[in-house]
Amino acid sequence: MSQSITRRFTQSGCAVVLAAALAMSGNAPAFAQGNVPEIGEVDQCIPLTRIKRTKAVDNQTIVVEMRGQDGWRKMETASRCIGLKIEDSFSYSTSLTQLCKGDIIRVLGTGGASCGLSQITVISEEDAKALVKKK
C-alpha cells in the first residue's frame, strides 16, 4: 500500500500539519530502541516519528532534535535554500515514514524555495547548541 505524507515544521519544531493519511504498514525500518547513534555517523534517513523539533541555522543547515536517546542530527541541503533561516519553517512530502537524503523540502512563507537534502549527520548536543547559537 502506498502512502503519502506531508508535514510542516515550524520554529517550535512540531509537526503541525498532516496533509495525508499515514497508513503505518510496518515495512519501513525504525530506529532500534536503545541503540545510541555514534557522533559523525551519516544517516540515509530519519524516521518522522523520531523528530522532536527542528531549527534552521542558516540557508543550508537544519539542526534536528530527535526524541528519546536518538540525539541530534544536522541536515544539509545540496545548495543554499533561500529563506530557510528567516522563515525557519519547511514542509516536505514523502511516500515513506522517513525523511531521507535526496528528499525535497520547501521553505514556507515568502519565496517558497525548494531544496534537496544532501546529507544527514549525527551530531552531539554541544555541536547542535553551538550551531543554533551561531547566527
Protein backbone atom coordinates (compact mmCIF):
# COMPACT_ATOMS: atom_id res chain seq x y z
CA MET A 1 0.00 0.00 0.00
CA SER A 2 1.42 3.38 -0.97
CA GLN A 3 1.27 6.24 1.46
CA SER A 4 1.94 9.92 1.13
CA ILE A 5 2.89 12.20 3.99
CA THR A 6 3.18 15.95 4.03
CA ARG A 7 4.29 17.70 7.20
CA ARG A 8 5.18 21.25 8.03
CA PHE A 9 7.79 22.10 10.63
CA THR A 10 7.70 25.50 12.25
CA GLN A 11 10.03 27.27 14.62
CA SER A 12 8.63 25.29 17.56
CA GLY A 13 9.53 22.20 15.58
CA CYS A 14 6.19 20.46 15.99
CA ALA A 15 4.67 18.72 13.06
CA VAL A 16 1.57 20.87 12.69
CA VAL A 17 0.02 19.65 9.50
CA LEU A 18 -0.51 16.12 8.37
CA ALA A 19 -1.99 16.57 4.92
CA ALA A 20 -2.46 12.93 4.00
CA ALA A 21 -3.36 9.82 5.92
CA LEU A 22 -0.45 7.92 7.40
CA ALA A 23 -1.02 4.23 6.92
CA MET A 24 1.57 2.50 9.06
CA SER A 25 2.42 -0.63 7.15
CA GLY A 26 5.36 -1.71 9.28
CA ASN A 27 7.56 -2.06 6.17
CA ALA A 28 9.75 0.97 6.94
CA PRO A 29 12.72 0.35 9.21
CA ALA A 30 12.50 2.02 12.62
CA PHE A 31 15.28 3.26 14.84
CA ALA A 32 16.35 0.45 17.11
CA GLN A 33 15.36 1.43 20.62
CA GLY A 34 18.34 1.59 22.95
CA ASN A 35 20.93 1.92 20.18
CA VAL A 36 22.59 5.31 20.56
CA PRO A 37 23.98 6.51 17.22
CA GLU A 38 27.65 7.50 17.05
CA ILE A 39 28.66 11.13 16.53
CA GLY A 40 29.70 11.70 12.92
CA GLU A 41 27.69 8.75 11.63
CA VAL A 42 25.87 9.53 8.38
CA ASP A 43 22.19 8.58 8.16
CA GLN A 44 20.41 7.92 4.90
CA CYS A 45 17.04 8.62 6.54
CA ILE A 46 15.49 9.60 9.85
CA PRO A 47 12.09 8.30 10.96
CA LEU A 48 9.45 11.04 11.03
CA THR A 49 8.08 9.83 14.36
CA ARG A 50 11.50 10.36 15.99
CA ILE A 51 11.75 14.08 15.08
CA LYS A 52 11.06 16.27 18.12
CA ARG A 53 11.92 19.75 16.75
CA THR A 54 13.92 21.49 14.07
CA LYS A 55 15.86 24.76 13.80
CA ALA A 56 17.15 26.28 10.57
CA VAL A 57 20.52 27.80 11.47
CA ASP A 58 21.29 29.18 8.02
CA ASN A 59 20.01 28.77 4.46
CA GLN A 60 21.65 25.36 4.09
CA THR A 61 21.61 23.74 7.56
CA ILE A 62 18.84 22.42 9.80
CA VAL A 63 19.50 21.11 13.30
CA VAL A 64 17.12 18.30 14.27
CA GLU A 65 16.46 17.27 17.86
CA MET A 66 15.37 13.66 17.98
CA ARG A 67 13.12 12.03 20.58
CA GLY A 68 14.49 9.89 23.40
CA GLN A 69 18.07 8.68 23.14
CA ASP A 70 18.30 9.29 19.38
CA GLY A 71 20.26 12.53 19.90
CA TRP A 72 20.71 15.26 17.30
CA ARG A 73 21.11 15.44 13.51
CA LYS A 74 22.40 18.05 11.11
CA MET A 75 20.55 18.06 7.81
CA GLU A 76 22.22 19.91 4.96
CA THR A 77 20.75 20.92 1.65
CA ALA A 78 22.64 20.47 -1.61
CA SER A 79 22.65 24.24 -2.19
CA ARG A 80 21.51 27.40 -0.46
CA CYS A 81 17.81 27.29 0.26
CA ILE A 82 16.76 30.93 0.10
CA GLY A 83 14.54 31.97 3.02
CA LEU A 84 15.15 28.88 5.15
CA LYS A 85 16.85 30.71 8.03
CA ILE A 86 14.45 33.67 8.06
CA GLU A 87 11.28 31.58 7.81
CA ASP A 88 12.64 28.74 9.99
CA SER A 89 9.89 26.50 8.69
CA PHE A 90 9.65 23.99 5.91
CA SER A 91 7.43 21.27 4.56
CA TYR A 92 8.13 18.04 2.77
CA SER A 93 6.22 15.29 1.08
CA THR A 94 7.28 11.68 1.20
CA SER A 95 5.81 8.29 0.40
CA LEU A 96 7.78 6.77 3.29
CA THR A 97 7.65 7.20 7.06
CA GLN A 98 11.12 8.72 6.90
CA LEU A 99 12.84 11.89 5.74
CA CYS A 100 15.77 10.85 3.57
CA LYS A 101 18.82 12.15 1.75
CA GLY A 102 17.60 13.29 -1.65
CA ASP A 103 14.14 14.29 -0.40
CA ILE A 104 12.95 17.78 -1.31
CA ILE A 105 11.98 20.30 1.36
CA ARG A 106 10.07 23.50 0.62
CA VAL A 107 10.53 26.71 2.60
CA LEU A 108 7.22 28.01 3.92
CA GLY A 109 6.42 31.69 3.62
CA THR A 110 7.74 34.16 1.10
CA GLY A 111 9.54 32.69 -1.85
CA GLY A 112 8.90 29.04 -1.11
CA ALA A 113 12.29 27.77 -2.31
CA SER A 114 12.58 24.02 -2.84
CA CYS A 115 15.83 22.29 -1.92
CA GLY A 116 17.15 18.72 -1.86
CA LEU A 117 18.63 17.22 1.30
CA SER A 118 22.23 16.22 0.61
CA GLN A 119 23.39 14.88 3.97
CA ILE A 120 22.10 13.85 7.38
CA THR A 121 24.78 13.56 10.06
CA VAL A 122 24.63 12.58 13.74
CA ILE A 123 25.97 15.44 15.88
CA SER A 124 26.49 15.95 19.60
CA GLU A 125 24.19 18.08 21.73
CA GLU A 126 27.09 20.51 22.21
CA ASP A 127 27.58 20.82 18.44
CA ALA A 128 23.83 21.31 17.98
CA LYS A 129 23.75 24.11 20.56
CA ALA A 130 26.82 25.76 19.00
CA LEU A 131 25.20 25.67 15.55
CA VAL A 132 21.97 27.17 16.88
CA LYS A 133 23.89 29.94 18.71
CA LYS A 134 25.83 30.79 15.53
CA LYS A 135 23.69 33.49 13.96
